[in-house]
Amino acid sequence: YRTGYHSFFLVVLLLLVNHFVTGVKDFQWAEDGSVELL
């Protein structure tokens, strides 16, 4: 449960960073959105 809790917040953090990098900075780091999500 604790590891799942930490993993969930890691997903949220990575999604926020990805949104900042791809949305605000207009930088694409993967081929498309599905590869980013993977």
Full PDB file with SEQRES, HELIX, SHEET, SSBOND, CRYST1, ORIGX, SCALE, CONECT and MASTER records, all heavy atoms in Angstrom:
SEQRES   1 A   38  TYR ARG THR GLY TYR HIS SER PHE PHE LEU VAL VAL LEU          
SEQRES   2 A   38  LEU LEU LEU VAL ASN HIS PHE VAL THR GLY VAL LYS ASP          
SEQRES   3 A   38  PHE GLN TRP ALA GLU ASP GLY SER VAL GLU LEU LEU              
HELIX    1 AA1 ARG A    2  HIS A   19  1                                  18    
HELIX    2 AA2 PHE A   20  VAL A   24  3                                   5    
HELIX    3 AA3 GLY A   33  LEU A   37  1                                   5    
CRYST1    1.000    1.000    1.000  90.00  90.00  90.00 P 1           1          
ORIGX1      1.000000  0.000000  0.000000        0.00000                         
ORIGX2      0.000000  1.000000  0.000000        0.00000                         
ORIGX3      0.000000  0.000000  1.000000        0.00000                         
SCALE1      1.000000  0.000000  0.000000        0.00000                         
SCALE2      0.000000  1.000000  0.000000        0.00000                         
SCALE3      0.000000  0.000000  1.000000        0.00000                         
ATOM      1  N   TYR A   1       0.832  -1.203   0.000  1.00  0.00           N  
ATOM      2  CA  TYR A   1       0.000   0.000   0.000  1.00  0.00           C  
ATOM      3  C   TYR A   1       0.870   1.258   0.000  1.00  0.00           C  
ATOM      4  O   TYR A   1       0.605   2.207  -0.731  1.00  0.00           O  
ATOM      5  CB  TYR A   1      -0.946   0.025   1.195  1.00  0.00           C  
ATOM      6  CG  TYR A   1      -2.033  -1.009   1.151  1.00  0.00           C  
ATOM      7  CD1 TYR A   1      -2.540  -1.564   2.315  1.00  0.00           C  
ATOM      8  CD2 TYR A   1      -2.577  -1.443  -0.051  1.00  0.00           C  
ATOM      9  CE1 TYR A   1      -3.544  -2.511   2.286  1.00  0.00           C  
ATOM     10  CE2 TYR A   1      -3.580  -2.394  -0.094  1.00  0.00           C  
ATOM     11  CZ  TYR A   1      -4.056  -2.924   1.084  1.00  0.00           C  
ATOM     12  OH  TYR A   1      -5.047  -3.860   1.043  1.00  0.00           O  
ATOM     13  N   ARG A   2       1.899   1.267   0.840  1.00  0.00           N  
ATOM     14  CA  ARG A   2       2.785   2.437   0.915  1.00  0.00           C  
ATOM     15  C   ARG A   2       3.522   2.652  -0.403  1.00  0.00           C  
ATOM     16  O   ARG A   2       3.618   3.779  -0.897  1.00  0.00           O  
ATOM     17  CB  ARG A   2       3.784   2.278   2.059  1.00  0.00           C  
ATOM     18  CG  ARG A   2       4.610   3.549   2.274  1.00  0.00           C  
ATOM     19  CD  ARG A   2       5.597   3.401   3.375  1.00  0.00           C  
ATOM     20  NE  ARG A   2       6.587   2.414   2.933  1.00  0.00           N  
ATOM     21  CZ  ARG A   2       7.520   1.920   3.692  1.00  0.00           C  
ATOM     22  NH1 ARG A   2       7.601   2.273   4.956  1.00  0.00           N  
ATOM     23  NH2 ARG A   2       8.371   1.046   3.232  1.00  0.00           N  
ATOM     24  N   THR A   3       4.019   1.576  -0.991  1.00  0.00           N  
ATOM     25  CA  THR A   3       4.727   1.688  -2.264  1.00  0.00           C  
ATOM     26  C   THR A   3       3.771   2.122  -3.374  1.00  0.00           C  
ATOM     27  O   THR A   3       4.135   2.931  -4.233  1.00  0.00           O  
ATOM     28  CB  THR A   3       5.389   0.344  -2.620  1.00  0.00           C  
ATOM     29  OG1 THR A   3       6.187  -0.079  -1.522  1.00  0.00           O  
ATOM     30  CG2 THR A   3       6.266   0.475  -3.835  1.00  0.00           C  
ATOM     31  N   GLY A   4       2.553   1.623  -3.351  1.00  0.00           N  
ATOM     32  CA  GLY A   4       1.559   2.057  -4.327  1.00  0.00           C  
ATOM     33  C   GLY A   4       1.221   3.529  -4.175  1.00  0.00           C  
ATOM     34  O   GLY A   4       1.047   4.247  -5.168  1.00  0.00           O  
ATOM     35  N   TYR A   5       1.135   3.989  -2.939  1.00  0.00           N  
ATOM     36  CA  TYR A   5       0.881   5.402  -2.650  1.00  0.00           C  
ATOM     37  C   TYR A   5       1.999   6.267  -3.216  1.00  0.00           C  
ATOM     38  O   TYR A   5       1.752   7.266  -3.897  1.00  0.00           O  
ATOM     39  CB  TYR A   5       0.762   5.557  -1.136  1.00  0.00           C  
ATOM     40  CG  TYR A   5       0.521   6.946  -0.632  1.00  0.00           C  
ATOM     41  CD1 TYR A   5      -0.752   7.503  -0.677  1.00  0.00           C  
ATOM     42  CD2 TYR A   5       1.553   7.691  -0.084  1.00  0.00           C  
ATOM     43  CE1 TYR A   5      -0.983   8.784  -0.189  1.00  0.00           C  
ATOM     44  CE2 TYR A   5       1.335   8.966   0.410  1.00  0.00           C  
ATOM     45  CZ  TYR A   5       0.070   9.503   0.343  1.00  0.00           C  
ATOM     46  OH  TYR A   5      -0.158  10.774   0.828  1.00  0.00           O  
ATOM     47  N   HIS A   6       3.247   5.872  -2.958  1.00  0.00           N  
ATOM     48  CA  HIS A   6       4.389   6.624  -3.486  1.00  0.00           C  
ATOM     49  C   HIS A   6       4.432   6.567  -5.013  1.00  0.00           C  
ATOM     50  O   HIS A   6       4.753   7.565  -5.668  1.00  0.00           O  
ATOM     51  CB  HIS A   6       5.695   6.098  -2.899  1.00  0.00           C  
ATOM     52  CG  HIS A   6       5.835   6.373  -1.445  1.00  0.00           C  
ATOM     53  ND1 HIS A   6       6.534   5.542  -0.591  1.00  0.00           N  
ATOM     54  CD2 HIS A   6       5.366   7.376  -0.665  1.00  0.00           C  
ATOM     55  CE1 HIS A   6       6.488   6.026   0.630  1.00  0.00           C  
ATOM     56  NE2 HIS A   6       5.788   7.138   0.615  1.00  0.00           N  
ATOM     57  N   SER A   7       4.114   5.428  -5.573  1.00  0.00           N  
ATOM     58  CA  SER A   7       4.100   5.292  -7.033  1.00  0.00           C  
ATOM     59  C   SER A   7       3.033   6.172  -7.660  1.00  0.00           C  
ATOM     60  O   SER A   7       3.257   6.773  -8.716  1.00  0.00           O  
ATOM     61  CB  SER A   7       3.871   3.838  -7.429  1.00  0.00           C  
ATOM     62  OG  SER A   7       4.923   3.029  -6.973  1.00  0.00           O  
ATOM     63  N   PHE A   8       1.878   6.255  -7.022  1.00  0.00           N  
ATOM     64  CA  PHE A   8       0.811   7.116  -7.536  1.00  0.00           C  
ATOM     65  C   PHE A   8       1.269   8.571  -7.584  1.00  0.00           C  
ATOM     66  O   PHE A   8       1.068   9.266  -8.576  1.00  0.00           O  
ATOM     67  CB  PHE A   8      -0.446   6.986  -6.680  1.00  0.00           C  
ATOM     68  CG  PHE A   8      -1.506   7.974  -7.045  1.00  0.00           C  
ATOM     69  CD1 PHE A   8      -2.251   7.812  -8.202  1.00  0.00           C  
ATOM     70  CD2 PHE A   8      -1.755   9.076  -6.234  1.00  0.00           C  
ATOM     71  CE1 PHE A   8      -3.230   8.730  -8.550  1.00  0.00           C  
ATOM     72  CE2 PHE A   8      -2.723   9.991  -6.580  1.00  0.00           C  
ATOM     73  CZ  PHE A   8      -3.463   9.829  -7.734  1.00  0.00           C  
ATOM     74  N   PHE A   9       1.892   9.034  -6.504  1.00  0.00           N  
ATOM     75  CA  PHE A   9       2.351  10.421  -6.497  1.00  0.00           C  
ATOM     76  C   PHE A   9       3.503  10.632  -7.473  1.00  0.00           C  
ATOM     77  O   PHE A   9       3.653  11.727  -8.027  1.00  0.00           O  
ATOM     78  CB  PHE A   9       2.706  10.877  -5.083  1.00  0.00           C  
ATOM     79  CG  PHE A   9       1.488  11.272  -4.323  1.00  0.00           C  
ATOM     80  CD1 PHE A   9       0.984  10.466  -3.327  1.00  0.00           C  
ATOM     81  CD2 PHE A   9       0.802  12.440  -4.630  1.00  0.00           C  
ATOM     82  CE1 PHE A   9      -0.163  10.812  -2.647  1.00  0.00           C  
ATOM     83  CE2 PHE A   9      -0.349  12.796  -3.954  1.00  0.00           C  
ATOM     84  CZ  PHE A   9      -0.833  11.990  -2.956  1.00  0.00           C  
ATOM     85  N   LEU A  10       4.289   9.611  -7.716  1.00  0.00           N  
ATOM     86  CA  LEU A  10       5.329   9.705  -8.736  1.00  0.00           C  
ATOM     87  C   LEU A  10       4.710   9.850 -10.125  1.00  0.00           C  
ATOM     88  O   LEU A  10       5.185  10.632 -10.950  1.00  0.00           O  
ATOM     89  CB  LEU A  10       6.244   8.482  -8.674  1.00  0.00           C  
ATOM     90  CG  LEU A  10       7.472   8.477  -9.560  1.00  0.00           C  
ATOM     91  CD1 LEU A  10       8.349   9.703  -9.326  1.00  0.00           C  
ATOM     92  CD2 LEU A  10       8.278   7.205  -9.312  1.00  0.00           C  
ATOM     93  N   VAL A  11       3.615   9.134 -10.388  1.00  0.00           N  
ATOM     94  CA  VAL A  11       2.899   9.282 -11.661  1.00  0.00           C  
ATOM     95  C   VAL A  11       2.379  10.712 -11.802  1.00  0.00           C  
ATOM     96  O   VAL A  11       2.541  11.341 -12.859  1.00  0.00           O  
ATOM     97  CB  VAL A  11       1.732   8.279 -11.777  1.00  0.00           C  
ATOM     98  CG1 VAL A  11       0.818   8.634 -12.939  1.00  0.00           C  
ATOM     99  CG2 VAL A  11       2.242   6.875 -11.934  1.00  0.00           C  
ATOM    100  N   VAL A  12       1.766  11.239 -10.757  1.00  0.00           N  
ATOM    101  CA  VAL A  12       1.238  12.600 -10.797  1.00  0.00           C  
ATOM    102  C   VAL A  12       2.359  13.597 -11.046  1.00  0.00           C  
ATOM    103  O   VAL A  12       2.235  14.503 -11.893  1.00  0.00           O  
ATOM    104  CB  VAL A  12       0.474  12.938  -9.497  1.00  0.00           C  
ATOM    105  CG1 VAL A  12       0.115  14.411  -9.433  1.00  0.00           C  
ATOM    106  CG2 VAL A  12      -0.774  12.079  -9.379  1.00  0.00           C  
ATOM    107  N   LEU A  13       3.475  13.446 -10.346  1.00  0.00           N  
ATOM    108  CA  LEU A  13       4.615  14.340 -10.526  1.00  0.00           C  
ATOM    109  C   LEU A  13       5.150  14.267 -11.959  1.00  0.00           C  
ATOM    110  O   LEU A  13       5.408  15.298 -12.591  1.00  0.00           O  
ATOM    111  CB  LEU A  13       5.718  13.999  -9.525  1.00  0.00           C  
ATOM    112  CG  LEU A  13       6.995  14.827  -9.650  1.00  0.00           C  
ATOM    113  CD1 LEU A  13       6.725  16.270  -9.258  1.00  0.00           C  
ATOM    114  CD2 LEU A  13       8.086  14.223  -8.794  1.00  0.00           C  
ATOM    115  N   LEU A  14       5.300  13.061 -12.472  1.00  0.00           N  
ATOM    116  CA  LEU A  14       5.801  12.907 -13.836  1.00  0.00           C  
ATOM    117  C   LEU A  14       4.830  13.481 -14.862  1.00  0.00           C  
ATOM    118  O   LEU A  14       5.252  14.068 -15.869  1.00  0.00           O  
ATOM    119  CB  LEU A  14       6.089  11.437 -14.136  1.00  0.00           C  
ATOM    120  CG  LEU A  14       7.288  10.838 -13.415  1.00  0.00           C  
ATOM    121  CD1 LEU A  14       7.366   9.343 -13.662  1.00  0.00           C  
ATOM    122  CD2 LEU A  14       8.569  11.509 -13.842  1.00  0.00           C  
ATOM    123  N   LEU A  15       3.530  13.323 -14.644  1.00  0.00           N  
ATOM    124  CA  LEU A  15       2.540  13.919 -15.543  1.00  0.00           C  
ATOM    125  C   LEU A  15       2.615  15.445 -15.523  1.00  0.00           C  
ATOM    126  O   LEU A  15       2.523  16.096 -16.569  1.00  0.00           O  
ATOM    127  CB  LEU A  15       1.133  13.457 -15.189  1.00  0.00           C  
ATOM    128  CG  LEU A  15       0.781  12.028 -15.599  1.00  0.00           C  
ATOM    129  CD1 LEU A  15      -0.561  11.622 -14.996  1.00  0.00           C  
ATOM    130  CD2 LEU A  15       0.755  11.886 -17.107  1.00  0.00           C  
ATOM    131  N   LEU A  16       2.795  16.025 -14.338  1.00  0.00           N  
ATOM    132  CA  LEU A  16       2.922  17.478 -14.244  1.00  0.00           C  
ATOM    133  C   LEU A  16       4.192  17.975 -14.935  1.00  0.00           C  
ATOM    134  O   LEU A  16       4.158  18.973 -15.667  1.00  0.00           O  
ATOM    135  CB  LEU A  16       2.905  17.926 -12.783  1.00  0.00           C  
ATOM    136  CG  LEU A  16       1.563  17.810 -12.069  1.00  0.00           C  
ATOM    137  CD1 LEU A  16       1.719  18.090 -10.582  1.00  0.00           C  
ATOM    138  CD2 LEU A  16       0.546  18.741 -12.688  1.00  0.00           C  
ATOM    139  N   VAL A  17       5.299  17.282 -14.715  1.00  0.00           N  
ATOM    140  CA  VAL A  17       6.550  17.653 -15.380  1.00  0.00           C  
ATOM    141  C   VAL A  17       6.401  17.503 -16.887  1.00  0.00           C  
ATOM    142  O   VAL A  17       6.839  18.371 -17.658  1.00  0.00           O  
ATOM    143  CB  VAL A  17       7.725  16.811 -14.838  1.00  0.00           C  
ATOM    144  CG1 VAL A  17       8.972  16.980 -15.700  1.00  0.00           C  
ATOM    145  CG2 VAL A  17       8.024  17.181 -13.395  1.00  0.00           C  
ATOM    146  N   ASN A  18       5.770  16.421 -17.320  1.00  0.00           N  
ATOM    147  CA  ASN A  18       5.561  16.210 -18.746  1.00  0.00           C  
ATOM    148  C   ASN A  18       4.682  17.314 -19.336  1.00  0.00           C  
ATOM    149  O   ASN A  18       4.950  17.808 -20.433  1.00  0.00           O  
ATOM    150  CB  ASN A  18       4.926  14.844 -19.004  1.00  0.00           C  
ATOM    151  CG  ASN A  18       4.775  14.557 -20.474  1.00  0.00           C  
ATOM    152  OD1 ASN A  18       5.731  14.636 -21.234  1.00  0.00           O  
ATOM    153  ND2 ASN A  18       3.570  14.225 -20.883  1.00  0.00           N  
ATOM    154  N   HIS A  19       3.647  17.695 -18.614  1.00  0.00           N  
ATOM    155  CA  HIS A  19       2.781  18.780 -19.091  1.00  0.00           C  
ATOM    156  C   HIS A  19       3.575  20.081 -19.221  1.00  0.00           C  
ATOM    157  O   HIS A  19       3.426  20.815 -20.197  1.00  0.00           O  
ATOM    158  CB  HIS A  19       1.600  18.970 -18.153  1.00  0.00           C  
ATOM    159  CG  HIS A  19       0.745  20.132 -18.524  1.00  0.00           C  
ATOM    160  ND1 HIS A  19      -0.049  20.143 -19.646  1.00  0.00           N  
ATOM    161  CD2 HIS A  19       0.592  21.343 -17.933  1.00  0.00           C  
ATOM    162  CE1 HIS A  19      -0.659  21.309 -19.735  1.00  0.00           C  
ATOM    163  NE2 HIS A  19      -0.290  22.047 -18.696  1.00  0.00           N  
ATOM    164  N   PHE A  20       4.411  20.367 -18.238  1.00  0.00           N  
ATOM    165  CA  PHE A  20       5.228  21.584 -18.289  1.00  0.00           C  
ATOM    166  C   PHE A  20       6.186  21.537 -19.471  1.00  0.00           C  
ATOM    167  O   PHE A  20       6.313  22.508 -20.215  1.00  0.00           O  
ATOM    168  CB  PHE A  20       6.001  21.755 -16.975  1.00  0.00           C  
ATOM    169  CG  PHE A  20       6.916  22.937 -16.979  1.00  0.00           C  
ATOM    170  CD1 PHE A  20       6.403  24.222 -16.840  1.00  0.00           C  
ATOM    171  CD2 PHE A  20       8.285  22.771 -17.128  1.00  0.00           C  
ATOM    172  CE1 PHE A  20       7.243  25.316 -16.844  1.00  0.00           C  
ATOM    173  CE2 PHE A  20       9.121  23.864 -17.136  1.00  0.00           C  
ATOM    174  CZ  PHE A  20       8.610  25.145 -16.994  1.00  0.00           C  
ATOM    175  N   VAL A  21       6.862  20.402 -19.649  1.00  0.00           N  
ATOM    176  CA  VAL A  21       7.861  20.282 -20.716  1.00  0.00           C  
ATOM    177  C   VAL A  21       7.212  20.306 -22.096  1.00  0.00           C  
ATOM    178  O   VAL A  21       7.673  21.003 -22.996  1.00  0.00           O  
ATOM    179  CB  VAL A  21       8.697  18.991 -20.523  1.00  0.00           C  
ATOM    180  CG1 VAL A  21       9.544  18.683 -21.744  1.00  0.00           C  
ATOM    181  CG2 VAL A  21       9.569  19.106 -19.299  1.00  0.00           C  
ATOM    182  N   THR A  22       6.125  19.548 -22.267  1.00  0.00           N  
ATOM    183  CA  THR A  22       5.516  19.455 -23.598  1.00  0.00           C  
ATOM    184  C   THR A  22       4.544  20.597 -23.880  1.00  0.00           C  
ATOM    185  O   THR A  22       4.431  21.025 -25.023  1.00  0.00           O  
ATOM    186  CB  THR A  22       4.778  18.115 -23.780  1.00  0.00           C  
ATOM    187  OG1 THR A  22       3.782  17.988 -22.773  1.00  0.00           O  
ATOM    188  CG2 THR A  22       5.735  16.956 -23.724  1.00  0.00           C  
ATOM    189  N   GLY A  23       3.867  21.082 -22.873  1.00  0.00           N  
ATOM    190  CA  GLY A  23       2.862  22.112 -23.088  1.00  0.00           C  
ATOM    191  C   GLY A  23       3.410  23.524 -23.009  1.00  0.00           C  
ATOM    192  O   GLY A  23       3.243  24.326 -23.919  1.00  0.00           O  
ATOM    193  N   VAL A  24       4.086  23.818 -21.917  1.00  0.00           N  
ATOM    194  CA  VAL A  24       4.571  25.176 -21.684  1.00  0.00           C  
ATOM    195  C   VAL A  24       5.837  25.448 -22.489  1.00  0.00           C  
ATOM    196  O   VAL A  24       5.953  26.473 -23.160  1.00  0.00           O  
ATOM    197  CB  VAL A  24       4.802  25.416 -20.177  1.00  0.00           C  
ATOM    198  CG1 VAL A  24       5.400  26.778 -19.915  1.00  0.00           C  
ATOM    199  CG2 VAL A  24       3.498  25.238 -19.410  1.00  0.00           C  
ATOM    200  N   LYS A  25       6.782  24.537 -22.432  1.00  0.00           N  
ATOM    201  CA  LYS A  25       8.060  24.730 -23.122  1.00  0.00           C  
ATOM    202  C   LYS A  25       8.025  24.274 -24.579  1.00  0.00           C  
ATOM    203  O   LYS A  25       8.967  24.486 -25.312  1.00  0.00           O  
ATOM    204  CB  LYS A  25       9.181  23.986 -22.387  1.00  0.00           C  
ATOM    205  CG  LYS A  25       9.487  24.540 -21.022  1.00  0.00           C  
ATOM    206  CD  LYS A  25      10.050  25.925 -21.127  1.00  0.00           C  
ATOM    207  CE  LYS A  25      10.454  26.434 -19.752  1.00  0.00           C  
ATOM    208  NZ  LYS A  25      10.998  27.764 -19.808  1.00  0.00           N  
ATOM    209  N   ASP A  26       6.936  23.610 -24.985  1.00  0.00           N  
ATOM    210  CA  ASP A  26       6.761  23.141 -26.364  1.00  0.00           C  
ATOM    211  C   ASP A  26       7.943  22.268 -26.817  1.00  0.00           C  
ATOM    212  O   ASP A  26       8.527  22.491 -27.878  1.00  0.00           O  
ATOM    213  CB  ASP A  26       6.562  24.325 -27.311  1.00  0.00           C  
ATOM    214  CG  ASP A  26       5.947  23.874 -28.621  1.00  0.00           C  
ATOM    215  OD1 ASP A  26       5.172  22.890 -28.598  1.00  0.00           O  
ATOM    216  OD2 ASP A  26       6.243  24.494 -29.665  1.00  0.00           O  
ATOM    217  N   PHE A  27       8.290  21.303 -25.974  1.00  0.00           N  
ATOM    218  CA  PHE A  27       9.376  20.372 -26.280  1.00  0.00           C  
ATOM    219  C   PHE A  27       8.809  18.966 -26.250  1.00  0.00           C  
ATOM    220  O   PHE A  27       8.243  18.540 -25.244  1.00  0.00           O  
ATOM    221  CB  PHE A  27      10.502  20.510 -25.240  1.00  0.00           C  
ATOM    222  CG  PHE A  27      11.600  19.504 -25.409  1.00  0.00           C  
ATOM    223  CD1 PHE A  27      12.534  19.646 -26.413  1.00  0.00           C  
ATOM    224  CD2 PHE A  27      11.695  18.414 -24.559  1.00  0.00           C  
ATOM    225  CE1 PHE A  27      13.546  18.725 -26.570  1.00  0.00           C  
ATOM    226  CE2 PHE A  27      12.706  17.481 -24.710  1.00  0.00           C  
ATOM    227  CZ  PHE A  27      13.633  17.637 -25.716  1.00  0.00           C  
ATOM    228  N   GLN A  28       8.954  18.246 -27.332  1.00  0.00           N  
ATOM    229  CA  GLN A  28       8.468  16.867 -27.389  1.00  0.00           C  
ATOM    230  C   GLN A  28       9.659  15.938 -27.195  1.00  0.00           C  
ATOM    231  O   GLN A  28      10.626  15.985 -27.940  1.00  0.00           O  
ATOM    232  CB  GLN A  28       7.790  16.588 -28.728  1.00  0.00           C  
ATOM    233  CG  GLN A  28       7.089  15.269 -28.758  1.00  0.00           C  
ATOM    234  CD  GLN A  28       6.301  15.067 -30.049  1.00  0.00           C  
ATOM    235  OE1 GLN A  28       6.299  15.920 -30.919  1.00  0.00           O  
ATOM    236  NE2 GLN A  28       5.655  13.928 -30.148  1.00  0.00           N  
ATOM    237  N   TRP A  29       9.598  15.060 -26.186  1.00  0.00           N  
ATOM    238  CA  TRP A  29      10.718  14.186 -25.859  1.00  0.00           C  
ATOM    239  C   TRP A  29      10.490  12.748 -26.312  1.00  0.00           C  
ATOM    240  O   TRP A  29      11.380  11.904 -26.174  1.00  0.00           O  
ATOM    241  CB  TRP A  29      11.029  14.231 -24.367  1.00  0.00           C  
ATOM    242  CG  TRP A  29       9.880  13.880 -23.479  1.00  0.00           C  
ATOM    243  CD1 TRP A  29       8.928  14.733 -23.017  1.00  0.00           C  
ATOM    244  CD2 TRP A  29       9.556  12.595 -22.950  1.00  0.00           C  
ATOM    245  NE1 TRP A  29       8.027  14.052 -22.233  1.00  0.00           N  
ATOM    246  CE2 TRP A  29       8.393  12.739 -22.169  1.00  0.00           C  
ATOM    247  CE3 TRP A  29      10.136  11.340 -23.055  1.00  0.00           C  
ATOM    248  CZ2 TRP A  29       7.810  11.673 -21.511  1.00  0.00           C  
ATOM    249  CZ3 TRP A  29       9.553  10.276 -22.393  1.00  0.00           C  
ATOM    250  CH2 TRP A  29       8.405  10.453 -21.629  1.00  0.00           C  
ATOM    251  N   ALA A  30       9.317  12.447 -26.843  1.00  0.00           N  
ATOM    252  CA  ALA A  30       9.016  11.109 -27.362  1.00  0.00           C  
ATOM    253  C   ALA A  30       8.288  11.259 -28.689  1.00  0.00           C  
ATOM    254  O   ALA A  30       7.805  12.340 -29.042  1.00  0.00           O  
ATOM    255  CB  ALA A  30       8.174  10.322 -26.372  1.00  0.00           C  
ATOM    256  N   GLU A  31       8.204  10.146 -29.423  1.00  0.00           N  
ATOM    257  CA  GLU A  31       7.562  10.162 -30.745  1.00  0.00           C  
ATOM    258  C   GLU A  31       6.159  10.753 -30.708  1.00  0.00           C  
ATOM    259  O   GLU A  31       5.809  11.592 -31.523  1.00  0.00           O  
ATOM    260  CB  GLU A  31       7.466   8.736 -31.294  1.00  0.00           C  
ATOM    261  CG  GLU A  31       8.660   8.267 -32.027  1.00  0.00           C  
ATOM    262  CD  GLU A  31       8.432   6.887 -32.601  1.00  0.00           C  
ATOM    263  OE1 GLU A  31       7.755   6.047 -31.978  1.00  0.00           O  
ATOM    264  OE2 GLU A  31       8.956   6.655 -33.690  1.00  0.00           O  
ATOM    265  N   ASP A  32       5.363  10.263 -29.784  1.00  0.00           N  
ATOM    266  CA  ASP A  32       4.001  10.757 -29.654  1.00  0.00           C  
ATOM    267  C   ASP A  32       3.546  10.611 -28.208  1.00  0.00           C  
ATOM    268  O   ASP A  32       4.287  10.153 -27.342  1.00  0.00           O  
ATOM    269  CB  ASP A  32       3.045  10.031 -30.618  1.00  0.00           C  
ATOM    270  CG  ASP A  32       3.031   8.527 -30.423  1.00  0.00           C  
ATOM    271  OD1 ASP A  32       3.552   8.045 -29.411  1.00  0.00           O  
ATOM    272  OD2 ASP A  32       2.478   7.823 -31.289  1.00  0.00           O  
ATOM    273  N   GLY A  33       2.318  11.003 -27.956  1.00  0.00           N  
ATOM    274  CA  GLY A  33       1.793  10.983 -26.596  1.00  0.00           C  
ATOM    275  C   GLY A  33       1.703   9.597 -25.984  1.00  0.00           C  
ATOM    276  O   GLY A  33       1.854   9.439 -24.774  1.00  0.00           O  
ATOM    277  N   SER A  34       1.478   8.575 -26.811  1.00  0.00           N  
ATOM    278  CA  SER A  34       1.364   7.221 -26.249  1.00  0.00           C  
ATOM    279  C   SER A  34       2.708   6.722 -25.736  1.00  0.00           C  
ATOM    280  O   SER A  34       2.771   6.047 -24.710  1.00  0.00           O  
ATOM    281  CB  SER A  34       0.790   6.256 -27.288  1.00  0.00           C  
ATOM    282  OG  SER A  34       1.644   6.146 -28.392  1.00  0.00           O  
ATOM    283  N   VAL A  35       3.791   7.054 -26.415  1.00  0.00           N  
ATOM    284  CA  VAL A  35       5.126   6.652 -25.944  1.00  0.00           C  
ATOM    285  C   VAL A  35       5.467   7.419 -24.666  1.00  0.00           C  
ATOM    286  O   VAL A  35       6.028   6.853 -23.723  1.00  0.00           O  
ATOM    287  CB  VAL A  35       6.194   6.872 -27.040  1.00  0.00           C  
ATOM    288  CG1 VAL A  35       7.584   6.568 -26.520  1.00  0.00           C  
ATOM    289  CG2 VAL A  35       5.881   6.029 -28.265  1.00  0.00           C  
ATOM    290  N   GLU A  36       5.106   8.701 -24.614  1.00  0.00           N  
ATOM    291  CA  GLU A  36       5.314   9.480 -23.390  1.00  0.00           C  
ATOM    292  C   GLU A  36       4.583   8.838 -22.215  1.00  0.00           C  
ATOM    293  O   GLU A  36       5.140   8.669 -21.136  1.00  0.00           O  
ATOM    294  CB  GLU A  36       4.816  10.912 -23.575  1.00  0.00           C  
ATOM    295  CG  GLU A  36       5.648  11.760 -24.484  1.00  0.00           C  
ATOM    296  CD  GLU A  36       5.059  13.136 -24.708  1.00  0.00           C  
ATOM    297  OE1 GLU A  36       3.979  13.441 -24.141  1.00  0.00           O  
ATOM    298  OE2 GLU A  36       5.667  13.905 -25.466  1.00  0.00           O  
ATOM    299  N   LEU A  37       3.324   8.485 -22.444  1.00  0.00           N  
ATOM    300  CA  LEU A  37       2.519   7.885 -21.384  1.00  0.00           C  
ATOM    301  C   LEU A  37       3.083   6.535 -20.940  1.00  0.00           C  
ATOM    302  O   LEU A  37       3.093   6.225 -19.742  1.00  0.00           O  
ATOM    303  CB  LEU A  37       1.071   7.742 -21.829  1.00  0.00           C  
ATOM    304  CG  LEU A  37       0.061   7.396 -20.754  1.00  0.00           C  
ATOM    305  CD1 LEU A  37       0.068   8.446 -19.653  1.00  0.00           C  
ATOM    306  CD2 LEU A  37      -1.322   7.285 -21.344  1.00  0.00           C  
ATOM    307  N   LEU A  38       3.572   5.742 -21.886  1.00  0.00           N  
ATOM    308  CA  LEU A  38       4.186   4.465 -21.526  1.00  0.00           C  
ATOM    309  C   LEU A  38       5.364   4.674 -20.580  1.00  0.00           C  
ATOM    310  O   LEU A  38       5.493   3.978 -19.567  1.00  0.00           O  
ATOM    311  CB  LEU A  38       4.655   3.722 -22.773  1.00  0.00           C  
ATOM    312  CG  LEU A  38       3.621   2.881 -23.487  1.00  0.00           C  
ATOM    313  CD1 LEU A  38       4.158   2.404 -24.832  1.00  0.00           C  
ATOM    314  CD2 LEU A  38       3.212   1.707 -22.642  1.00  0.00           C  
TER     315      LEU A  38                                                      
MASTER        0    0    0    3    0    0    0    6  314    1    0    3          
END                                                                             
